[in-house]
Amino acid sequence: MSDIAGIDRERVTEWMVANTAPVEPPLEFELIAGGRSNLTFKVTDAAGRRMVLRRPPVSHVLATAHDMGREHRIISALRDSPVPVPHAVGFCDDPHQNSEPFYHKDFTDAHIRPTVLVAEAM
C-alpha cells in the first residue's frame, strides 16, 4: 500500500473499525479528483463496502471554510428530508487519528462534475 497525502491509513482504519462497524480492513483509499476545497476519498473495505471520507486540505486550512463537523451535521440533519444525501456514517475530530477532523459517509453512485461555471450558478 502506498502512502496517500492526507490519510494516516493505520489510524484512520483503526478508528473506522472501532467506531463505525461494520468495516472490514484492509481499507483502500482513492482520491476523488475535481474538488475545489476539502479532500474527498473513495474508501473501499475488504468486503467491498464503499464509503466516502472527507477532510480539510493538507495545507491552508481555514476553520470556517473547512469545518468537517459542520458538513457532517448538515448531511446528518438532511437524512430524513426530501433532499437526497448519503448516510453520514461517522465523524472524528481527534487530531491523533489523522491530524485534521474527518467524516465519512456512504458512497453514492453519481456524476461528479469537475467544474461549475459561474453562469450556471446564476
PDB file of N, CA and C in Angstrom:
ATOM      1  N   MET A   1       0.838  -1.188   0.000  1.00  0.00           N
ATOM      2  CA  MET A   1       0.000   0.000   0.000  1.00  0.00           C
ATOM      3  C   MET A   1       0.877   1.242   0.000  1.00  0.00           C
ATOM      4  N   SER A   2       0.618   2.125  -0.911  1.00  0.00           N
ATOM      5  CA  SER A   2       1.389   3.353  -0.966  1.00  0.00           C
ATOM      6  C   SER A   2       0.758   4.414  -0.067  1.00  0.00           C
ATOM      7  N   ASP A   3       1.575   5.386   0.336  1.00  0.00           N
ATOM      8  CA  ASP A   3       1.071   6.494   1.128  1.00  0.00           C
ATOM      9  C   ASP A   3       0.168   7.361   0.268  1.00  0.00           C
ATOM     10  N   ILE A   4      -0.805   7.970   0.905  1.00  0.00           N
ATOM     11  CA  ILE A   4      -1.687   8.888   0.202  1.00  0.00           C
ATOM     12  C   ILE A   4      -1.776  10.153   1.046  1.00  0.00           C
ATOM     13  N   ALA A   5      -1.490  11.285   0.441  1.00  0.00           N
ATOM     14  CA  ALA A   5      -1.458  12.555   1.180  1.00  0.00           C
ATOM     15  C   ALA A   5      -2.798  12.818   1.853  1.00  0.00           C
ATOM     16  N   GLY A   6      -2.730  13.111   3.150  1.00  0.00           N
ATOM     17  CA  GLY A   6      -3.939  13.443   3.894  1.00  0.00           C
ATOM     18  C   GLY A   6      -4.566  12.295   4.652  1.00  0.00           C
ATOM     19  N   ILE A   7      -4.033  11.075   4.484  1.00  0.00           N
ATOM     20  CA  ILE A   7      -4.611   9.901   5.150  1.00  0.00           C
ATOM     21  C   ILE A   7      -3.530   9.149   5.913  1.00  0.00           C
ATOM     22  N   ASP A   8      -3.744   8.965   7.214  1.00  0.00           N
ATOM     23  CA  ASP A   8      -2.924   8.060   8.010  1.00  0.00           C
ATOM     24  C   ASP A   8      -3.673   6.732   7.994  1.00  0.00           C
ATOM     25  N   ARG A   9      -3.317   5.874   7.051  1.00  0.00           N
ATOM     26  CA  ARG A   9      -4.061   4.628   6.808  1.00  0.00           C
ATOM     27  C   ARG A   9      -4.310   3.819   8.088  1.00  0.00           C
ATOM     28  N   GLU A  10      -3.249   3.625   8.855  1.00  0.00           N
ATOM     29  CA  GLU A  10      -3.363   2.773  10.043  1.00  0.00           C
ATOM     30  C   GLU A  10      -4.338   3.358  11.064  1.00  0.00           C
ATOM     31  N   ARG A  11      -4.183   4.625  11.380  1.00  0.00           N
ATOM     32  CA  ARG A  11      -5.033   5.241  12.410  1.00  0.00           C
ATOM     33  C   ARG A  11      -6.459   5.464  11.935  1.00  0.00           C
ATOM     34  N   VAL A  12      -6.632   5.856  10.683  1.00  0.00           N
ATOM     35  CA  VAL A  12      -7.988   6.041  10.160  1.00  0.00           C
ATOM     36  C   VAL A  12      -8.713   4.703  10.107  1.00  0.00           C
ATOM     37  N   THR A  13      -8.023   3.664   9.642  1.00  0.00           N
ATOM     38  CA  THR A  13      -8.625   2.331   9.609  1.00  0.00           C
ATOM     39  C   THR A  13      -9.009   1.892  11.012  1.00  0.00           C
ATOM     40  N   GLU A  14      -8.107   2.064  11.954  1.00  0.00           N
ATOM     41  CA  GLU A  14      -8.376   1.695  13.350  1.00  0.00           C
ATOM     42  C   GLU A  14      -9.616   2.418  13.868  1.00  0.00           C
ATOM     43  N   TRP A  15      -9.719   3.716  13.609  1.00  0.00           N
ATOM     44  CA  TRP A  15     -10.858   4.499  14.093  1.00  0.00           C
ATOM     45  C   TRP A  15     -12.154   4.051  13.433  1.00  0.00           C
ATOM     46  N   MET A  16     -12.117   3.836  12.117  1.00  0.00           N
ATOM     47  CA  MET A  16     -13.336   3.438  11.410  1.00  0.00           C
ATOM     48  C   MET A  16     -13.827   2.074  11.876  1.00  0.00           C
ATOM     49  N   VAL A  17     -12.929   1.129  12.083  1.00  0.00           N
ATOM     50  CA  VAL A  17     -13.315  -0.197  12.563  1.00  0.00           C
ATOM     51  C   VAL A  17     -13.920  -0.110  13.963  1.00  0.00           C
ATOM     52  N   ALA A  18     -13.309   0.682  14.832  1.00  0.00           N
ATOM     53  CA  ALA A  18     -13.772   0.789  16.221  1.00  0.00           C
ATOM     54  C   ALA A  18     -15.061   1.588  16.370  1.00  0.00           C
ATOM     55  N   ASN A  19     -15.302   2.553  15.489  1.00  0.00           N
ATOM     56  CA  ASN A  19     -16.406   3.483  15.704  1.00  0.00           C
ATOM     57  C   ASN A  19     -17.544   3.406  14.708  1.00  0.00           C
ATOM     58  N   THR A  20     -17.362   2.736  13.606  1.00  0.00           N
ATOM     59  CA  THR A  20     -18.417   2.740  12.592  1.00  0.00           C
ATOM     60  C   THR A  20     -18.571   1.383  11.920  1.00  0.00           C
ATOM     61  N   ALA A  21     -18.609   0.339  12.709  1.00  0.00           N
ATOM     62  CA  ALA A  21     -18.749  -1.017  12.173  1.00  0.00           C
ATOM     63  C   ALA A  21     -20.054  -1.134  11.383  1.00  0.00           C
ATOM     64  N   PRO A  22     -20.153  -2.013  10.419  1.00  0.00           N
ATOM     65  CA  PRO A  22     -19.125  -2.973  10.043  1.00  0.00           C
ATOM     66  C   PRO A  22     -18.170  -2.421   8.984  1.00  0.00           C
ATOM     67  N   VAL A  23     -16.915  -2.399   9.309  1.00  0.00           N
ATOM     68  CA  VAL A  23     -15.853  -2.023   8.382  1.00  0.00           C
ATOM     69  C   VAL A  23     -14.800  -3.112   8.471  1.00  0.00           C
ATOM     70  N   GLU A  24     -14.459  -3.704   7.321  1.00  0.00           N
ATOM     71  CA  GLU A  24     -13.511  -4.815   7.306  1.00  0.00           C
ATOM     72  C   GLU A  24     -12.193  -4.399   6.661  1.00  0.00           C
ATOM     73  N   PRO A  25     -11.122  -4.314   7.466  1.00  0.00           N
ATOM     74  CA  PRO A  25      -9.817  -3.976   6.889  1.00  0.00           C
ATOM     75  C   PRO A  25      -9.294  -5.120   6.031  1.00  0.00           C
ATOM     76  N   PRO A  26      -8.359  -4.816   5.144  1.00  0.00           N
ATOM     77  CA  PRO A  26      -7.729  -3.514   4.940  1.00  0.00           C
ATOM     78  C   PRO A  26      -8.621  -2.587   4.120  1.00  0.00           C
ATOM     79  N   LEU A  27      -8.394  -1.293   4.274  1.00  0.00           N
ATOM     80  CA  LEU A  27      -9.133  -0.290   3.530  1.00  0.00           C
ATOM     81  C   LEU A  27      -8.267   0.253   2.404  1.00  0.00           C
ATOM     82  N   GLU A  28      -8.892   0.497   1.275  1.00  0.00           N
ATOM     83  CA  GLU A  28      -8.231   1.133   0.146  1.00  0.00           C
ATOM     84  C   GLU A  28      -8.758   2.558   0.044  1.00  0.00           C
ATOM     85  N   PHE A  29      -7.858   3.520  -0.108  1.00  0.00           N
ATOM     86  CA  PHE A  29      -8.221   4.934  -0.214  1.00  0.00           C
ATOM     87  C   PHE A  29      -7.834   5.430  -1.604  1.00  0.00           C
ATOM     88  N   GLU A  30      -8.765   6.106  -2.263  1.00  0.00           N
ATOM     89  CA  GLU A  30      -8.522   6.650  -3.600  1.00  0.00           C
ATOM     90  C   GLU A  30      -9.028   8.087  -3.630  1.00  0.00           C
ATOM     91  N   LEU A  31      -8.144   9.022  -3.946  1.00  0.00           N
ATOM     92  CA  LEU A  31      -8.536  10.425  -4.030  1.00  0.00           C
ATOM     93  C   LEU A  31      -9.507  10.614  -5.184  1.00  0.00           C
ATOM     94  N   ILE A  32     -10.623  11.262  -4.903  1.00  0.00           N
ATOM     95  CA  ILE A  32     -11.579  11.624  -5.943  1.00  0.00           C
ATOM     96  C   ILE A  32     -11.213  13.028  -6.384  1.00  0.00           C
ATOM     97  N   ALA A  33     -10.738  13.153  -7.598  1.00  0.00           N
ATOM     98  CA  ALA A  33     -10.254  14.437  -8.108  1.00  0.00           C
ATOM     99  C   ALA A  33     -11.414  15.345  -8.478  1.00  0.00           C
ATOM    100  N   GLY A  34     -11.108  16.627  -8.541  1.00  0.00           N
ATOM    101  CA  GLY A  34     -12.084  17.587  -9.018  1.00  0.00           C
ATOM    102  C   GLY A  34     -12.620  18.502  -7.944  1.00  0.00           C
ATOM    103  N   GLY A  35     -12.337  18.208  -6.695  1.00  0.00           N
ATOM    104  CA  GLY A  35     -12.811  19.068  -5.618  1.00  0.00           C
ATOM    105  C   GLY A  35     -12.067  20.389  -5.600  1.00  0.00           C
ATOM    106  N   ARG A  36     -12.682  21.398  -5.065  1.00  0.00           N
ATOM    107  CA  ARG A  36     -12.063  22.712  -5.026  1.00  0.00           C
ATOM    108  C   ARG A  36     -11.592  23.100  -3.634  1.00  0.00           C
ATOM    109  N   SER A  37     -11.932  22.341  -2.639  1.00  0.00           N
ATOM    110  CA  SER A  37     -11.597  22.759  -1.286  1.00  0.00           C
ATOM    111  C   SER A  37     -11.168  21.558  -0.459  1.00  0.00           C
ATOM    112  N   ASN A  38     -12.115  20.886   0.155  1.00  0.00           N
ATOM    113  CA  ASN A  38     -11.790  19.748   1.007  1.00  0.00           C
ATOM    114  C   ASN A  38     -11.430  18.528   0.164  1.00  0.00           C
ATOM    115  N   LEU A  39     -10.585  17.666   0.735  1.00  0.00           N
ATOM    116  CA  LEU A  39     -10.186  16.443   0.041  1.00  0.00           C
ATOM    117  C   LEU A  39     -11.271  15.387   0.203  1.00  0.00           C
ATOM    118  N   THR A  40     -11.535  14.668  -0.872  1.00  0.00           N
ATOM    119  CA  THR A  40     -12.573  13.641  -0.880  1.00  0.00           C
ATOM    120  C   THR A  40     -11.947  12.341  -1.370  1.00  0.00           C
ATOM    121  N   PHE A  41     -12.138  11.278  -0.590  1.00  0.00           N
ATOM    122  CA  PHE A  41     -11.558   9.978  -0.904  1.00  0.00           C
ATOM    123  C   PHE A  41     -12.650   8.923  -0.995  1.00  0.00           C
ATOM    124  N   LYS A  42     -12.536   8.052  -1.992  1.00  0.00           N
ATOM    125  CA  LYS A  42     -13.363   6.852  -2.039  1.00  0.00           C
ATOM    126  C   LYS A  42     -12.646   5.820  -1.178  1.00  0.00           C
ATOM    127  N   VAL A  43     -13.376   5.197  -0.265  1.00  0.00           N
ATOM    128  CA  VAL A  43     -12.811   4.190   0.638  1.00  0.00           C
ATOM    129  C   VAL A  43     -13.551   2.880   0.382  1.00  0.00           C
ATOM    130  N   THR A  44     -12.790   1.816   0.148  1.00  0.00           N
ATOM    131  CA  THR A  44     -13.385   0.504  -0.069  1.00  0.00           C
ATOM    132  C   THR A  44     -12.779  -0.461   0.929  1.00  0.00           C
ATOM    133  N   ASP A  45     -13.648  -1.193   1.650  1.00  0.00           N
ATOM    134  CA  ASP A  45     -13.121  -2.152   2.623  1.00  0.00           C
ATOM    135  C   ASP A  45     -12.999  -3.534   1.977  1.00  0.00           C
ATOM    136  N   ALA A  46     -12.468  -4.496   2.739  1.00  0.00           N
ATOM    137  CA  ALA A  46     -12.198  -5.838   2.228  1.00  0.00           C
ATOM    138  C   ALA A  46     -13.464  -6.566   1.788  1.00  0.00           C
ATOM    139  N   ALA A  47     -14.623  -6.181   2.344  1.00  0.00           N
ATOM    140  CA  ALA A  47     -15.887  -6.812   1.977  1.00  0.00           C
ATOM    141  C   ALA A  47     -16.537  -6.138   0.769  1.00  0.00           C
ATOM    142  N   GLY A  48     -15.915  -5.067   0.264  1.00  0.00           N
ATOM    143  CA  GLY A  48     -16.462  -4.371  -0.890  1.00  0.00           C
ATOM    144  C   GLY A  48     -17.353  -3.189  -0.540  1.00  0.00           C
ATOM    145  N   ARG A  49     -17.511  -2.899   0.752  1.00  0.00           N
ATOM    146  CA  ARG A  49     -18.313  -1.735   1.152  1.00  0.00           C
ATOM    147  C   ARG A  49     -17.595  -0.467   0.688  1.00  0.00           C
ATOM    148  N   ARG A  50     -18.342   0.415   0.053  1.00  0.00           N
ATOM    149  CA  ARG A  50     -17.779   1.665  -0.438  1.00  0.00           C
ATOM    150  C   ARG A  50     -18.286   2.826   0.405  1.00  0.00           C
ATOM    151  N   MET A  51     -17.364   3.713   0.761  1.00  0.00           N
ATOM    152  CA  MET A  51     -17.677   4.894   1.553  1.00  0.00           C
ATOM    153  C   MET A  51     -16.925   6.075   0.969  1.00  0.00           C
ATOM    154  N   VAL A  52     -17.218   7.245   1.486  1.00  0.00           N
ATOM    155  CA  VAL A  52     -16.506   8.465   1.112  1.00  0.00           C
ATOM    156  C   VAL A  52     -15.976   9.092   2.386  1.00  0.00           C
ATOM    157  N   LEU A  53     -14.709   9.485   2.377  1.00  0.00           N
ATOM    158  CA  LEU A  53     -14.099  10.185   3.505  1.00  0.00           C
ATOM    159  C   LEU A  53     -13.781  11.609   3.055  1.00  0.00           C
ATOM    160  N   ARG A  54     -14.161  12.577   3.889  1.00  0.00           N
ATOM    161  CA  ARG A  54     -13.879  13.984   3.607  1.00  0.00           C
ATOM    162  C   ARG A  54     -13.014  14.547   4.716  1.00  0.00           C
ATOM    163  N   ARG A  55     -12.029  15.358   4.328  1.00  0.00           N
ATOM    164  CA  ARG A  55     -11.143  16.009   5.290  1.00  0.00           C
ATOM    165  C   ARG A  55     -10.678  17.343   4.702  1.00  0.00           C
ATOM    166  N   PRO A  56     -10.205  18.261   5.555  1.00  0.00           N
ATOM    167  CA  PRO A  56      -9.695  19.536   5.039  1.00  0.00           C
ATOM    168  C   PRO A  56      -8.461  19.314   4.169  1.00  0.00           C
ATOM    169  N   PRO A  57      -8.082  20.330   3.400  1.00  0.00           N
ATOM    170  CA  PRO A  57      -6.866  20.213   2.595  1.00  0.00           C
ATOM    171  C   PRO A  57      -5.638  20.006   3.474  1.00  0.00           C
ATOM    172  N   VAL A  58      -4.573  19.524   2.873  1.00  0.00           N
ATOM    173  CA  VAL A  58      -3.348  19.244   3.617  1.00  0.00           C
ATOM    174  C   VAL A  58      -2.699  20.538   4.111  1.00  0.00           C
ATOM    175  N   SER A  59      -2.896  21.628   3.399  1.00  0.00           N
ATOM    176  CA  SER A  59      -2.350  22.916   3.835  1.00  0.00           C
ATOM    177  C   SER A  59      -3.415  23.998   3.684  1.00  0.00           C
ATOM    178  N   HIS A  60      -3.160  25.144   4.280  1.00  0.00           N
ATOM    179  CA  HIS A  60      -4.057  26.303   4.179  1.00  0.00           C
ATOM    180  C   HIS A  60      -5.476  25.998   4.654  1.00  0.00           C
ATOM    181  N   VAL A  61      -5.592  25.504   5.866  1.00  0.00           N
ATOM    182  CA  VAL A  61      -6.906  25.180   6.426  1.00  0.00           C
ATOM    183  C   VAL A  61      -7.505  26.415   7.081  1.00  0.00           C
ATOM    184  N   LEU A  62      -8.719  26.734   6.678  1.00  0.00           N
ATOM    185  CA  LEU A  62      -9.477  27.819   7.294  1.00  0.00           C
ATOM    186  C   LEU A  62     -10.619  27.187   8.081  1.00  0.00           C
ATOM    187  N   ALA A  63     -10.676  27.474   9.375  1.00  0.00           N
ATOM    188  CA  ALA A  63     -11.662  26.825  10.241  1.00  0.00           C
ATOM    189  C   ALA A  63     -13.090  26.984   9.727  1.00  0.00           C
ATOM    190  N   THR A  64     -13.434  28.167   9.242  1.00  0.00           N
ATOM    191  CA  THR A  64     -14.805  28.386   8.798  1.00  0.00           C
ATOM    192  C   THR A  64     -15.090  27.776   7.438  1.00  0.00           C
ATOM    193  N   ALA A  65     -14.075  27.646   6.592  1.00  0.00           N
ATOM    194  CA  ALA A  65     -14.286  27.097   5.255  1.00  0.00           C
ATOM    195  C   ALA A  65     -14.118  25.588   5.211  1.00  0.00           C
ATOM    196  N   HIS A  66     -13.423  25.025   6.174  1.00  0.00           N
ATOM    197  CA  HIS A  66     -13.101  23.599   6.142  1.00  0.00           C
ATOM    198  C   HIS A  66     -13.598  22.897   7.397  1.00  0.00           C
ATOM    199  N   ASP A  67     -14.813  23.189   7.796  1.00  0.00           N
ATOM    200  CA  ASP A  67     -15.389  22.662   9.033  1.00  0.00           C
ATOM    201  C   ASP A  67     -16.064  21.315   8.767  1.00  0.00           C
ATOM    202  N   MET A  68     -15.346  20.238   9.033  1.00  0.00           N
ATOM    203  CA  MET A  68     -15.867  18.899   8.785  1.00  0.00           C
ATOM    204  C   MET A  68     -17.053  18.574   9.697  1.00  0.00           C
ATOM    205  N   GLY A  69     -17.001  19.084  10.920  1.00  0.00           N
ATOM    206  CA  GLY A  69     -18.121  18.862  11.842  1.00  0.00           C
ATOM    207  C   GLY A  69     -19.410  19.460  11.302  1.00  0.00           C
ATOM    208  N   ARG A  70     -19.309  20.652  10.723  1.00  0.00           N
ATOM    209  CA  ARG A  70     -20.493  21.309  10.151  1.00  0.00           C
ATOM    210  C   ARG A  70     -21.028  20.505   8.964  1.00  0.00           C
ATOM    211  N   GLU A  71     -20.141  20.062   8.079  1.00  0.00           N
ATOM    212  CA  GLU A  71     -20.595  19.248   6.945  1.00  0.00           C
ATOM    213  C   GLU A  71     -21.312  17.996   7.435  1.00  0.00           C
ATOM    214  N   HIS A  72     -20.720  17.336   8.416  1.00  0.00           N
ATOM    215  CA  HIS A  72     -21.312  16.112   8.948  1.00  0.00           C
ATOM    216  C   HIS A  72     -22.684  16.386   9.568  1.00  0.00           C
ATOM    217  N   ARG A  73     -22.792  17.458  10.348  1.00  0.00           N
ATOM    218  CA  ARG A  73     -24.083  17.810  10.972  1.00  0.00           C
ATOM    219  C   ARG A  73     -25.153  18.110   9.926  1.00  0.00           C
ATOM    220  N   ILE A  74     -24.773  18.814   8.862  1.00  0.00           N
ATOM    221  CA  ILE A  74     -25.750  19.183   7.836  1.00  0.00           C
ATOM    222  C   ILE A  74     -26.269  17.959   7.095  1.00  0.00           C
ATOM    223  N   ILE A  75     -25.373  17.085   6.623  1.00  0.00           N
ATOM    224  CA  ILE A  75     -25.882  15.922   5.897  1.00  0.00           C
ATOM    225  C   ILE A  75     -26.619  14.963   6.833  1.00  0.00           C
ATOM    226  N   SER A  76     -26.230  14.935   8.105  1.00  0.00           N
ATOM    227  CA  SER A  76     -26.972  14.116   9.075  1.00  0.00           C
ATOM    228  C   SER A  76     -28.388  14.663   9.273  1.00  0.00           C
ATOM    229  N   ALA A  77     -28.511  15.986   9.366  1.00  0.00           N
ATOM    230  CA  ALA A  77     -29.817  16.618   9.580  1.00  0.00           C
ATOM    231  C   ALA A  77     -30.734  16.447   8.363  1.00  0.00           C
ATOM    232  N   LEU A  78     -30.156  16.343   7.178  1.00  0.00           N
ATOM    233  CA  LEU A  78     -30.953  16.214   5.954  1.00  0.00           C
ATOM    234  C   LEU A  78     -31.360  14.784   5.647  1.00  0.00           C
ATOM    235  N   ARG A  79     -30.905  13.838   6.428  1.00  0.00           N
ATOM    236  CA  ARG A  79     -31.121  12.419   6.122  1.00  0.00           C
ATOM    237  C   ARG A  79     -32.582  12.065   5.882  1.00  0.00           C
ATOM    238  N   ASP A  80     -33.486  12.533   6.720  1.00  0.00           N
ATOM    239  CA  ASP A  80     -34.904  12.176   6.584  1.00  0.00           C
ATOM    240  C   ASP A  80     -35.716  13.242   5.860  1.00  0.00           C
ATOM    241  N   SER A  81     -35.034  14.104   5.133  1.00  0.00           N
ATOM    242  CA  SER A  81     -35.716  15.163   4.382  1.00  0.00           C
ATOM    243  C   SER A  81     -35.854  14.737   2.918  1.00  0.00           C
ATOM    244  N   PRO A  82     -36.548  15.542   2.114  1.00  0.00           N
ATOM    245  CA  PRO A  82     -36.648  15.232   0.687  1.00  0.00           C
ATOM    246  C   PRO A  82     -35.337  15.472  -0.079  1.00  0.00           C
ATOM    247  N   VAL A  83     -34.343  16.084   0.568  1.00  0.00           N
ATOM    248  CA  VAL A  83     -33.063  16.348  -0.076  1.00  0.00           C
ATOM    249  C   VAL A  83     -32.256  15.049  -0.121  1.00  0.00           C
ATOM    250  N   PRO A  84     -31.844  14.616  -1.315  1.00  0.00           N
ATOM    251  CA  PRO A  84     -31.098  13.354  -1.405  1.00  0.00           C
ATOM    252  C   PRO A  84     -29.652  13.533  -0.933  1.00  0.00           C
ATOM    253  N   VAL A  85     -29.325  12.917   0.190  1.00  0.00           N
ATOM    254  CA  VAL A  85     -27.960  12.948   0.729  1.00  0.00           C
ATOM    255  C   VAL A  85     -27.573  11.530   1.136  1.00  0.00           C
ATOM    256  N   PRO A  86     -26.285  11.208   1.058  1.00  0.00           N
ATOM    257  CA  PRO A  86     -25.843   9.900   1.546  1.00  0.00           C
ATOM    258  C   PRO A  86     -25.895   9.859   3.071  1.00  0.00           C
ATOM    259  N   HIS A  87     -25.977   8.666   3.605  1.00  0.00           N
ATOM    260  CA  HIS A  87     -25.991   8.468   5.057  1.00  0.00           C
ATOM    261  C   HIS A  87     -24.633   8.854   5.647  1.00  0.00           C
ATOM    262  N   ALA A  88     -24.644   9.756   6.633  1.00  0.00           N
ATOM    263  CA  ALA A  88     -23.413  10.134   7.342  1.00  0.00           C
ATOM    264  C   ALA A  88     -23.091   9.025   8.328  1.00  0.00           C
ATOM    265  N   VAL A  89     -21.933   8.421   8.188  1.00  0.00           N
ATOM    266  CA  VAL A  89     -21.580   7.244   8.985  1.00  0.00           C
ATOM    267  C   VAL A  89     -20.859   7.614  10.276  1.00  0.00           C
ATOM    268  N   GLY A  90     -19.841   8.479  10.206  1.00  0.00           N
ATOM    269  CA  GLY A  90     -19.082   8.808  11.405  1.00  0.00           C
ATOM    270  C   GLY A  90     -18.284  10.085  11.260  1.00  0.00           C
ATOM    271  N   PHE A  91     -17.964  10.693  12.412  1.00  0.00           N
ATOM    272  CA  PHE A  91     -17.183  11.927  12.456  1.00  0.00           C
ATOM    273  C   PHE A  91     -16.090  11.775  13.511  1.00  0.00           C
ATOM    274  N   CYS A  92     -14.862  12.177  13.166  1.00  0.00           N
ATOM    275  CA  CYS A  92     -13.725  12.108  14.082  1.00  0.00           C
ATOM    276  C   CYS A  92     -13.047  13.468  14.139  1.00  0.00           C
ATOM    277  N   ASP A  93     -12.948  14.024  15.339  1.00  0.00           N
ATOM    278  CA  ASP A  93     -12.256  15.307  15.492  1.00  0.00           C
ATOM    279  C   ASP A  93     -11.000  15.170  16.356  1.00  0.00           C
ATOM    280  N   ASP A  94     -10.507  13.937  16.520  1.00  0.00           N
ATOM    281  CA  ASP A  94      -9.290  13.673  17.285  1.00  0.00           C
ATOM    282  C   ASP A  94      -8.075  13.819  16.368  1.00  0.00           C
ATOM    283  N   PRO A  95      -7.237  14.858  16.572  1.00  0.00           N
ATOM    284  CA  PRO A  95      -6.088  15.065  15.684  1.00  0.00           C
ATOM    285  C   PRO A  95      -5.071  13.923  15.728  1.00  0.00           C
ATOM    286  N   HIS A  96      -5.113  13.106  16.771  1.00  0.00           N
ATOM    287  CA  HIS A  96      -4.221  11.949  16.862  1.00  0.00           C
ATOM    288  C   HIS A  96      -4.535  10.926  15.758  1.00  0.00           C
ATOM    289  N   GLN A  97      -5.771  10.879  15.315  1.00  0.00           N
ATOM    290  CA  GLN A  97      -6.179   9.883  14.330  1.00  0.00           C
ATOM    291  C   GLN A  97      -5.756  10.228  12.911  1.00  0.00           C
ATOM    292  N   ASN A  98      -5.780  11.530  12.551  1.00  0.00           N
ATOM    293  CA  ASN A  98      -5.452  11.868  11.167  1.00  0.00           C
ATOM    294  C   ASN A  98      -5.037  13.329  10.998  1.00  0.00           C
ATOM    295  N   SER A  99      -4.558  13.968  11.999  1.00  0.00           N
ATOM    296  CA  SER A  99      -4.074  15.351  12.008  1.00  0.00           C
ATOM    297  C   SER A  99      -5.167  16.397  11.841  1.00  0.00           C
ATOM    298  N   GLU A 100      -6.218  16.118  11.123  1.00  0.00           N
ATOM    299  CA  GLU A 100      -7.345  17.032  10.928  1.00  0.00           C
ATOM    300  C   GLU A 100      -8.643  16.242  11.085  1.00  0.00           C
ATOM    301  N   PRO A 101      -9.722  16.911  11.467  1.00  0.00           N
ATOM    302  CA  PRO A 101     -11.020  16.211  11.552  1.00  0.00           C
ATOM    303  C   PRO A 101     -11.421  15.631  10.195  1.00  0.00           C
ATOM    304  N   PHE A 102     -12.169  14.546  10.252  1.00  0.00           N
ATOM    305  CA  PHE A 102     -12.693  13.943   9.033  1.00  0.00           C
ATOM    306  C   PHE A 102     -14.036  13.309   9.336  1.00  0.00           C
ATOM    307  N   TYR A 103     -14.810  13.095   8.307  1.00  0.00           N
ATOM    308  CA  TYR A 103     -16.034  12.311   8.464  1.00  0.00           C
ATOM    309  C   TYR A 103     -16.149  11.393   7.265  1.00  0.00           C
ATOM    310  N   HIS A 104     -16.979  10.385   7.419  1.00  0.00           N
ATOM    311  CA  HIS A 104     -17.226   9.541   6.265  1.00  0.00           C
ATOM    312  C   HIS A 104     -18.703   9.243   6.155  1.00  0.00           C
ATOM    313  N   LYS A 105     -19.081   8.966   4.934  1.00  0.00           N
ATOM    314  CA  LYS A 105     -20.483   8.738   4.593  1.00  0.00           C
ATOM    315  C   LYS A 105     -20.548   7.593   3.601  1.00  0.00           C
ATOM    316  N   ASP A 106     -21.739   7.061   3.407  1.00  0.00           N
ATOM    317  CA  ASP A 106     -21.904   6.013   2.405  1.00  0.00           C
ATOM    318  C   ASP A 106     -21.585   6.563   1.031  1.00  0.00           C
ATOM    319  N   PHE A 107     -21.076   5.700   0.173  1.00  0.00           N
ATOM    320  CA  PHE A 107     -20.783   6.063  -1.210  1.00  0.00           C
ATOM    321  C   PHE A 107     -22.074   6.002  -2.006  1.00  0.00           C
ATOM    322  N   THR A 108     -22.289   6.982  -2.844  1.00  0.00           N
ATOM    323  CA  THR A 108     -23.451   7.020  -3.723  1.00  0.00           C
ATOM    324  C   THR A 108     -22.961   7.172  -5.151  1.00  0.00           C
ATOM    325  N   ASP A 109     -23.394   6.285  -6.033  1.00  0.00           N
ATOM    326  CA  ASP A 109     -23.027   6.427  -7.438  1.00  0.00           C
ATOM    327  C   ASP A 109     -23.678   7.687  -7.983  1.00  0.00           C
ATOM    328  N   ALA A 110     -22.859   8.556  -8.534  1.00  0.00           N
ATOM    329  CA  ALA A 110     -23.361   9.807  -9.090  1.00  0.00           C
ATOM    330  C   ALA A 110     -22.329  10.379 -10.042  1.00  0.00           C
ATOM    331  N   HIS A 111     -22.758  11.311 -10.835  1.00  0.00           N
ATOM    332  CA  HIS A 111     -21.855  12.016 -11.733  1.00  0.00           C
ATOM    333  C   HIS A 111     -21.129  13.082 -10.928  1.00  0.00           C
ATOM    334  N   ILE A 112     -19.799  13.121 -11.006  1.00  0.00           N
ATOM    335  CA  ILE A 112     -19.007  14.126 -10.299  1.00  0.00           C
ATOM    336  C   ILE A 112     -18.607  15.189 -11.309  1.00  0.00           C
ATOM    337  N   ARG A 113     -19.093  16.393 -11.098  1.00  0.00           N
ATOM    338  CA  ARG A 113     -18.778  17.488 -12.010  1.00  0.00           C
ATOM    339  C   ARG A 113     -17.454  18.106 -11.600  1.00  0.00           C
ATOM    340  N   PRO A 114     -16.480  18.122 -12.505  1.00  0.00           N
ATOM    341  CA  PRO A 114     -15.168  18.662 -12.146  1.00  0.00           C
ATOM    342  C   PRO A 114     -15.157  20.175 -11.996  1.00  0.00           C
ATOM    343  N   THR A 115     -16.053  20.871 -12.666  1.00  0.00           N
ATOM    344  CA  THR A 115     -16.107  22.330 -12.562  1.00  0.00           C
ATOM    345  C   THR A 115     -17.556  22.790 -12.601  1.00  0.00           C
ATOM    346  N   VAL A 116     -17.803  23.939 -12.032  1.00  0.00           N
ATOM    347  CA  VAL A 116     -19.115  24.559 -12.091  1.00  0.00           C
ATOM    348  C   VAL A 116     -18.916  25.943 -12.667  1.00  0.00           C
ATOM    349  N   LEU A 117     -19.614  26.241 -13.712  1.00  0.00           N
ATOM    350  CA  LEU A 117     -19.496  27.551 -14.335  1.00  0.00           C
ATOM    351  C   LEU A 117     -20.275  28.578 -13.539  1.00  0.00           C
ATOM    352  N   VAL A 118     -19.715  29.770 -13.411  1.00  0.00           N
ATOM    353  CA  VAL A 118     -20.366  30.843 -12.671  1.00  0.00           C
ATOM    354  C   VAL A 118     -21.724  31.147 -13.267  1.00  0.00           C
ATOM    355  N   ALA A 119     -21.842  31.131 -14.576  1.00  0.00           N
ATOM    356  CA  ALA A 119     -23.118  31.430 -15.231  1.00  0.00           C
ATOM    357  C   ALA A 119     -24.196  30.426 -14.847  1.00  0.00           C
ATOM    358  N   GLU A 120     -23.799  29.167 -14.627  1.00  0.00           N
ATOM    359  CA  GLU A 120     -24.779  28.147 -14.229  1.00  0.00           C
ATOM    360  C   GLU A 120     -25.329  28.409 -12.843  1.00  0.00           C
ATOM    361  N   ALA A 121     -24.536  29.020 -11.982  1.00  0.00           N
ATOM    362  CA  ALA A 121     -24.961  29.276 -10.616  1.00  0.00           C
ATOM    363  C   ALA A 121     -25.907  30.474 -10.527  1.00  0.00           C
ATOM    364  N   MET A 122     -25.964  31.275 -11.563  1.00  0.00           N
ATOM    365  CA  MET A 122     -26.813  32.484 -11.544  1.00  0.00           C
ATOM    366  C   MET A 122     -28.194  32.203 -12.026  1.00  0.00           C
TER     367      MET A 122
END
